[in-house]
Protein backbone atom coordinates (compact mmCIF):
# COMPACT_ATOMS: atom_id res chain seq x y z
CA MET A 1 0.00 0.00 0.00
CA LYS A 2 1.07 3.59 -0.59
CA LYS A 3 2.67 5.47 2.28
CA VAL A 4 0.54 8.55 2.98
CA GLY A 5 1.78 11.29 5.31
CA ILE A 6 -0.83 13.51 6.94
CA ILE A 7 0.15 16.89 8.41
CA GLY A 8 -2.09 19.36 10.24
CA TRP A 9 -4.57 16.68 11.27
CA ARG A 10 -5.38 18.36 14.62
CA GLY A 11 -6.72 21.58 13.10
CA MET A 12 -10.28 22.21 12.01
CA VAL A 13 -9.89 21.10 8.39
CA GLY A 14 -7.57 18.25 9.34
CA SER A 15 -10.01 16.98 11.96
CA VAL A 16 -12.85 16.95 9.43
CA LEU A 17 -10.59 15.21 6.90
CA LEU A 18 -9.74 12.40 9.35
CA GLU A 19 -13.41 12.03 10.28
CA ARG A 20 -14.38 11.66 6.61
CA MET A 21 -11.50 9.27 5.86
CA GLU A 22 -12.54 7.01 8.73
CA MET A 23 -16.19 7.20 7.70
CA GLU A 24 -15.41 6.22 4.09
CA GLY A 25 -12.86 3.51 4.94
CA ASP A 26 -9.95 5.34 3.31
CA PHE A 27 -7.41 4.28 5.94
CA ALA A 28 -7.88 0.64 4.91
CA LYS A 29 -6.49 1.55 1.47
CA ILE A 30 -3.26 3.21 2.63
CA ASP A 31 -0.32 2.94 5.01
CA PRO A 32 -0.88 6.14 7.03
CA TYR A 33 1.78 8.17 8.85
CA PHE A 34 0.97 11.21 10.98
CA PHE A 35 3.35 14.14 11.28
CA SER A 36 3.58 17.01 13.75
CA THR A 37 5.60 20.24 13.78
CA SER A 38 5.79 20.26 17.60
CA GLN A 39 4.98 16.82 19.06
CA ALA A 40 7.15 14.32 17.17
CA GLY A 41 7.57 11.06 19.08
CA GLN A 42 4.30 11.43 20.98
CA ASN A 43 1.14 9.44 20.37
CA GLY A 44 -0.97 10.59 17.44
CA PRO A 45 -4.57 9.79 16.53
CA LEU A 46 -6.26 6.47 17.19
CA ILE A 47 -7.25 5.01 13.80
CA TYR A 48 -9.10 1.68 13.71
CA ASN A 49 -7.98 1.01 17.29
CA LYS A 50 -4.32 1.61 16.43
CA THR A 51 -2.33 4.50 17.86
CA HIS A 52 0.19 6.09 15.50
CA THR A 53 3.44 7.61 16.77
CA LEU A 54 3.93 11.10 15.40
CA ARG A 55 6.78 11.80 12.99
CA ASP A 56 8.63 15.09 12.62
CA ALA A 57 6.89 17.32 10.05
CA ASN A 58 10.06 19.39 9.73
CA ASP A 59 12.23 16.40 8.77
CA VAL A 60 12.41 16.47 4.98
CA ASN A 61 13.99 13.02 4.80
CA GLU A 62 11.09 11.48 6.71
CA LEU A 63 8.60 13.33 4.53
CA ALA A 64 10.41 12.23 1.37
CA ASP A 65 9.77 8.61 2.36
CA MET A 66 6.07 9.16 1.67
CA ASP A 67 4.39 8.37 -1.65
CA ILE A 68 1.65 10.93 -0.98
CA ILE A 69 1.53 13.85 1.45
CA ILE A 70 -1.68 15.57 2.55
CA SER A 71 -1.12 18.90 4.28
CA CYS A 72 -3.66 20.90 6.27
CA GLN A 73 -0.88 22.73 8.10
CA GLY A 74 -1.19 26.12 6.39
CA GLY A 75 0.54 28.23 3.79
CA ASP A 76 3.70 29.09 5.75
CA TYR A 77 4.44 25.40 6.19
CA THR A 78 3.86 24.73 2.49
CA LYS A 79 6.18 27.56 1.48
CA LYS A 80 8.94 26.12 3.66
CA VAL A 81 8.59 22.38 3.12
CA ARG A 82 7.45 21.92 -0.48
CA PRO A 83 10.58 23.55 -1.99
CA ALA A 84 12.72 21.49 0.40
CA LEU A 85 11.16 18.31 -0.97
CA ASP A 86 12.02 19.46 -4.49
CA GLU A 87 15.63 19.87 -3.39
CA VAL A 88 15.80 16.17 -2.48
CA SER A 89 14.06 15.24 -5.78
CA TRP A 90 10.92 13.87 -4.12
CA GLN A 91 8.59 12.43 -6.76
CA GLY A 92 5.48 11.91 -4.66
CA TYR A 93 2.09 13.61 -4.79
CA TRP A 94 1.43 16.75 -2.72
CA ILE A 95 -2.24 17.33 -1.76
CA ASP A 96 -2.73 20.59 0.14
CA ALA A 97 -5.56 22.60 1.72
CA ALA A 98 -3.51 25.83 1.89
CA SER A 99 -3.64 28.54 -0.75
CA ALA A 100 0.14 28.94 -1.09
CA LYS A 101 0.48 26.94 -4.32
CA ARG A 102 -3.02 27.33 -5.76
CA MET A 103 -2.08 29.67 -8.57
CA ASP A 104 1.35 28.17 -9.33
CA ASP A 105 1.81 26.83 -12.85
CA ASP A 106 2.93 23.42 -11.56
CA SER A 107 -0.26 22.85 -9.55
CA LEU A 108 -3.93 22.16 -10.14
CA ILE A 109 -6.91 23.28 -8.05
CA ILE A 110 -9.03 20.20 -7.33
CA LEU A 111 -12.82 19.88 -7.32
CA ASP A 112 -13.49 16.62 -9.09
CA PRO A 113 -17.28 16.86 -9.57
CA VAL A 114 -16.48 19.97 -11.62
CA ASN A 115 -13.06 19.36 -13.20
CA LYS A 116 -12.39 15.59 -13.08
CA ASP A 117 -11.38 15.62 -16.75
CA ILE A 118 -8.78 18.31 -16.06
CA ILE A 119 -7.50 16.38 -13.03
CA ASP A 120 -7.13 13.20 -15.10
CA LYS A 121 -5.22 15.07 -17.79
CA ALA A 122 -2.95 16.66 -15.18
CA LEU A 123 -2.13 13.24 -13.72
CA ASN A 124 -1.31 11.92 -17.18
CA ASP A 125 0.87 14.99 -17.80
CA GLY A 126 2.88 14.35 -14.63
CA VAL A 127 1.47 17.09 -12.36
CA LYS A 128 2.28 16.33 -8.71
CA ASN A 129 0.70 19.24 -6.79
CA PHE A 130 -3.07 19.13 -6.22
CA ILE A 131 -4.48 21.97 -4.16
CA GLY A 132 -7.88 22.46 -2.54
CA GLY A 133 -9.64 25.61 -3.70
CA ASN A 134 -11.03 28.60 -1.85
CA CYS A 135 -14.09 27.56 0.15
CA THR A 136 -16.56 29.98 -1.42
CA VAL A 137 -15.33 29.22 -4.94
CA SER A 138 -15.65 25.47 -4.40
CA LEU A 139 -19.11 25.77 -2.86
CA MET A 140 -20.30 28.06 -5.65
CA LEU A 141 -19.14 25.59 -8.28
CA MET A 142 -20.70 22.67 -6.42
CA GLY A 143 -23.99 24.54 -6.67
CA ILE A 144 -23.98 25.85 -10.24
CA GLY A 145 -21.14 23.98 -11.92
CA SER A 146 -23.50 22.76 -14.63
CA LEU A 147 -24.02 26.33 -15.90
CA PHE A 148 -20.27 26.70 -16.37
CA GLN A 149 -19.90 23.27 -17.93
CA GLU A 150 -22.58 24.18 -20.49
CA ASN A 151 -20.71 27.44 -21.19
CA LEU A 152 -23.74 29.58 -20.33
CA VAL A 153 -22.12 32.14 -17.99
CA GLU A 154 -21.05 35.43 -19.55
CA TRP A 155 -20.24 37.07 -16.20
CA MET A 156 -21.21 36.71 -12.55
CA THR A 157 -21.22 38.51 -9.22
CA SER A 158 -20.93 36.56 -5.99
CA MET A 159 -21.99 38.16 -2.71
CA SER A 160 -20.86 35.78 0.03
CA TYR A 161 -22.04 35.38 3.61
CA GLN A 162 -19.14 33.52 5.22
CA ALA A 163 -19.17 31.74 8.56
CA ALA A 164 -16.70 32.04 11.42
CA SER A 165 -15.28 28.63 10.50
CA GLY A 166 -13.53 30.24 7.53
CA GLY A 167 -11.03 31.63 10.01
CA GLY A 168 -10.54 28.38 11.89
CA ALA A 169 -11.32 26.93 15.30
CA ARG A 170 -10.22 30.01 17.29
CA HIS A 171 -12.59 32.21 15.29
CA MET A 172 -15.50 29.84 15.91
CA LYS A 173 -14.80 29.83 19.64
CA GLU A 174 -14.52 33.63 19.68
CA LEU A 175 -17.97 33.97 18.11
CA LEU A 176 -19.52 31.57 20.63
CA THR A 177 -17.82 33.36 23.52
CA GLN A 178 -19.21 36.69 22.33
CA MET A 179 -22.70 35.18 22.09
CA LYS A 180 -22.47 33.89 25.66
CA VAL A 181 -21.45 37.30 27.03
CA ILE A 182 -24.29 38.97 25.10
CA GLY A 183 -26.76 36.42 26.45
CA ASP A 184 -25.57 36.92 30.02
CA VAL A 185 -26.01 40.70 29.72
CA ALA A 186 -29.39 40.46 28.01
CA ASN A 187 -30.99 37.84 30.25
CA PRO A 188 -31.75 39.97 33.34
CA ILE A 189 -33.22 42.83 31.27
CA MET A 190 -35.26 40.79 28.76
CA GLU A 191 -38.55 41.70 30.44
CA GLY A 192 -37.75 45.40 30.57
CA PRO A 193 -38.33 48.12 27.94
CA ILE A 194 -37.14 47.03 24.48
CA LEU A 195 -35.33 50.31 23.86
CA GLN A 196 -33.31 49.83 27.05
CA LEU A 197 -32.41 46.30 25.95
CA ASP A 198 -31.40 47.58 22.54
CA THR A 199 -29.30 50.38 24.04
CA ASP A 200 -27.50 48.13 26.51
CA ILE A 201 -26.62 45.49 23.91
CA SER A 202 -25.58 48.12 21.36
CA ASN A 203 -23.30 49.69 23.96
CA LEU A 204 -21.87 46.25 24.77
CA LEU A 205 -21.01 45.67 21.10
CA LYS A 206 -19.19 49.02 20.97
CA SER A 207 -17.33 48.43 24.24
CA GLU A 208 -14.11 46.53 24.90
CA LYS A 209 -15.93 43.84 26.93
CA LEU A 210 -16.27 41.38 24.05
CA ASN A 211 -13.09 39.59 23.06
CA ALA A 212 -12.45 40.23 19.36
CA ASP A 213 -8.79 39.26 18.97
CA CYS A 214 -9.51 37.12 15.89
CA PHE A 215 -11.97 39.27 13.97
CA GLY A 216 -10.90 42.71 15.15
CA VAL A 217 -14.47 43.66 16.09
CA PRO A 218 -17.34 41.56 17.50
CA LEU A 219 -18.92 39.27 14.89
CA ALA A 220 -21.92 38.33 17.06
CA LEU A 221 -24.97 40.47 16.14
CA ASN A 222 -22.75 42.05 13.50
CA LEU A 223 -21.15 41.53 10.09
CA ILE A 224 -17.79 42.42 8.57
CA PRO A 225 -17.70 43.14 4.80
CA TRP A 226 -13.95 42.53 4.59
CA ILE A 227 -12.15 39.15 4.52
CA ASP A 228 -8.37 38.70 4.10
CA SER A 229 -5.89 41.32 2.90
CA ALA A 230 -6.27 44.14 0.39
CA VAL A 231 -5.28 43.64 -3.24
CA GLU A 232 -5.48 45.89 -6.30
CA LYS A 233 -8.56 47.88 -7.32
CA GLY A 234 -10.04 47.90 -3.82
CA GLN A 235 -10.71 44.17 -3.68
CA THR A 236 -9.92 41.87 -0.79
CA ARG A 237 -7.91 38.75 -1.56
CA GLU A 238 -11.00 36.65 -0.83
CA GLU A 239 -12.87 38.53 -3.56
CA TRP A 240 -9.94 38.22 -5.97
CA LYS A 241 -10.01 34.44 -5.61
CA ALA A 242 -13.49 34.20 -7.15
CA PHE A 243 -12.16 35.26 -10.55
CA SER A 244 -8.70 33.73 -10.45
CA GLU A 245 -9.50 30.35 -8.89
CA THR A 246 -12.79 29.72 -10.69
CA ASN A 247 -11.17 30.18 -14.06
CA LYS A 248 -8.19 28.00 -13.12
CA ILE A 249 -10.47 25.20 -11.90
CA LEU A 250 -12.41 25.39 -15.17
CA GLY A 251 -9.26 25.48 -17.29
CA ARG A 252 -10.17 28.91 -18.68
CA LYS A 253 -6.87 30.70 -18.12
CA ASP A 254 -6.84 31.95 -21.71
CA ASN A 255 -10.58 32.72 -21.87
CA PRO A 256 -11.61 33.81 -18.38
CA ILE A 257 -15.15 34.55 -17.25
CA PRO A 258 -15.44 37.91 -15.40
CA ILE A 259 -16.41 37.33 -11.76
CA ASP A 260 -16.44 39.83 -8.90
CA GLY A 261 -18.41 40.57 -5.74
CA THR A 262 -18.24 41.32 -2.03
CA CYS A 263 -17.24 38.81 0.67
CA VAL A 264 -18.90 39.35 4.04
CA ARG A 265 -18.17 37.60 7.34
CA VAL A 266 -21.40 36.88 9.21
CA GLY A 267 -22.32 35.28 12.53
CA ALA A 268 -22.95 31.78 11.16
CA LEU A 269 -20.78 29.15 12.82
CA ARG A 270 -19.79 26.72 10.08
CA SER A 271 -21.31 27.02 6.59
CA HIS A 272 -21.08 29.68 3.89
CA SER A 273 -23.87 31.09 1.72
CA GLN A 274 -23.75 33.14 -1.47
CA ALA A 275 -26.09 35.35 -3.47
CA LEU A 276 -25.28 35.10 -7.18
CA THR A 277 -26.21 37.37 -10.06
CA ILE A 278 -25.46 35.59 -13.34
CA LYS A 279 -25.49 37.09 -16.81
CA LEU A 280 -26.15 34.30 -19.30
CA ASN A 281 -24.73 34.53 -22.79
CA LYS A 282 -28.09 33.50 -24.22
CA SER A 283 -31.68 33.15 -23.11
CA VAL A 284 -32.47 29.82 -21.42
CA ASP A 285 -35.88 29.03 -19.95
CA ILE A 286 -36.02 28.72 -16.18
CA LYS A 287 -37.17 25.07 -16.21
CA THR A 288 -34.05 24.10 -18.17
CA ILE A 289 -31.88 25.97 -15.68
CA GLU A 290 -33.57 24.20 -12.77
CA ASP A 291 -33.09 20.79 -14.39
CA MET A 292 -29.41 21.50 -15.01
CA ILE A 293 -28.92 22.33 -11.33
CA LYS A 294 -30.90 19.29 -10.16
CA ASN A 295 -28.92 16.89 -12.35
CA PHE A 296 -25.43 18.28 -11.78
CA SER A 297 -24.30 15.91 -9.01
CA GLU A 298 -25.58 13.79 -6.17
CA PHE A 299 -24.34 16.48 -3.78
CA THR A 300 -26.38 19.34 -5.25
CA GLU A 301 -29.89 19.80 -3.81
CA PHE A 302 -32.31 22.08 -5.61
CA VAL A 303 -34.62 24.12 -3.36
CA GLU A 304 -37.95 25.30 -4.70
CA ASN A 305 -38.44 29.06 -4.71
CA THR A 306 -41.04 29.09 -1.94
CA PRO A 307 -40.83 30.66 1.53
CA GLU A 308 -41.24 27.31 3.26
CA ALA A 309 -38.53 25.46 1.32
CA THR A 310 -36.16 28.43 1.44
CA ARG A 311 -36.43 28.84 5.22
CA GLU A 312 -35.97 25.11 5.78
CA LYS A 313 -33.09 24.27 3.44
CA LEU A 314 -31.31 27.30 2.00
CA ASN A 315 -29.17 28.08 5.02
CA PRO A 316 -26.24 26.95 7.21
CA ARG A 317 -28.60 25.28 9.69
CA TYR A 318 -29.64 22.72 7.07
CA VAL A 319 -26.34 22.03 5.30
CA SER A 320 -23.82 22.09 8.16
CA GLY A 321 -22.21 18.69 8.67
CA THR A 322 -23.50 17.38 5.34
CA LEU A 323 -22.12 17.10 1.80
CA LYS A 324 -25.18 18.89 0.42
CA THR A 325 -24.87 22.17 -1.42
CA THR A 326 -28.35 23.64 -1.60
CA VAL A 327 -29.30 25.89 -4.52
CA GLY A 328 -32.46 28.01 -4.50
CA ARG A 329 -34.13 31.37 -5.10
CA VAL A 330 -33.61 30.55 -8.80
CA ARG A 331 -35.44 33.11 -10.91
CA LYS A 332 -35.09 35.45 -13.85
CA MET A 333 -34.37 39.02 -12.78
CA ASN A 334 -36.04 42.28 -13.77
CA LEU A 335 -32.74 43.25 -15.36
CA GLY A 336 -33.61 41.08 -18.36
CA ASP A 337 -34.33 37.55 -19.54
CA GLU A 338 -30.64 36.63 -19.56
CA TYR A 339 -30.08 37.53 -15.89
CA LEU A 340 -30.40 34.91 -13.15
CA ASN A 341 -30.71 35.26 -9.38
CA ILE A 342 -29.46 32.25 -7.40
CA PHE A 343 -28.67 31.60 -3.73
CA THR A 344 -26.50 28.74 -2.44
CA SER A 345 -25.45 27.34 0.92
CA GLY A 346 -22.84 24.69 1.73
CA ASP A 347 -20.54 23.40 4.45
CA GLN A 348 -17.27 25.33 4.37
CA LEU A 349 -15.35 22.53 6.08
CA LEU A 350 -16.53 19.71 3.80
CA TRP A 351 -16.79 20.59 0.09
CA GLY A 352 -15.19 23.92 0.96
CA ALA A 353 -12.06 22.33 2.42
CA ALA A 354 -11.59 18.68 3.44
CA GLU A 355 -13.66 16.65 0.97
CA PRO A 356 -11.76 17.60 -2.22
CA LEU A 357 -8.52 16.50 -0.51
CA ARG A 358 -9.97 13.15 0.51
CA ARG A 359 -11.35 12.51 -2.95
CA MET A 360 -8.08 13.55 -4.60
CA LEU A 361 -6.26 10.98 -2.45
CA ASN A 362 -8.57 8.30 -3.83
CA ILE A 363 -8.09 9.53 -7.41
CA VAL A 364 -4.29 9.31 -6.99
CA LEU A 365 -4.59 5.85 -5.44
């Protein structure tokens, strides 16, 4: 069996990856080795009732003994270790959740329900680096990938509503801590005048009493229309990824589809949602559009454009912890017959992070 090294398995994405690999029986297909940057020699995870001793994630010679490496350790680790493996002429496969190598010419962004043909070609061409995409990009494509595959999209805007989980475990805990403090303050004054309640909570949000080390300001009862660093033309890097990564996934480097929008951090815990405005390059009746979405993949769930179905399924509450990407609010817009409105919701830690890595492992195997 192939030797597979797994790094960053204790983090949020890594934990979900291990959970999915156990659930799907992937560890029975490989000879797994677990690496750590700080706890080499200690006991690692218990897999199928077997404890694995941790190897040193900074030891290039130990890493080079692997046939396949899966990293959820982050971009700084990738930037340090991947070039070091090249220096020792490692010929294995590198599967990575970090963004560090996403746009490199020697790597491919992986989302096999959308670009399996491109993945297969890359393997045949000798590509060794397979990188998980940006969470919102992957979830958008899992929802409406059929429209791109049928070459119907002229341009698109994506307005995202991104959960705390996009920042990692510390960000999720910070949101929950803020919610607890707010609840504790609100509880004794719930029966009082509503304006007093509103004033006290508003003052709390503006005070220094809520820990906001991760987000900079409180996310609870709030939103932050800025994610990641600034890039050119006033975009954030998260917004830049929609154009750059979508077109790379689709193999459209030489004929890119214009995509832009605004990425907003909201007080959801785990799953991301997106409001899409799509300009089609020709008129297509709405029933055909709906059928294309319904038939795209087993993981795409179409939601009827009714208040009941929308409230029940088109949200983080419904999709969190599942492989479903729900797609709803599908309608033609008043802008014209070639304009579509669509809303999607999907689990940021599954199709948005861990699941493409797990499936890429199986494709390589």
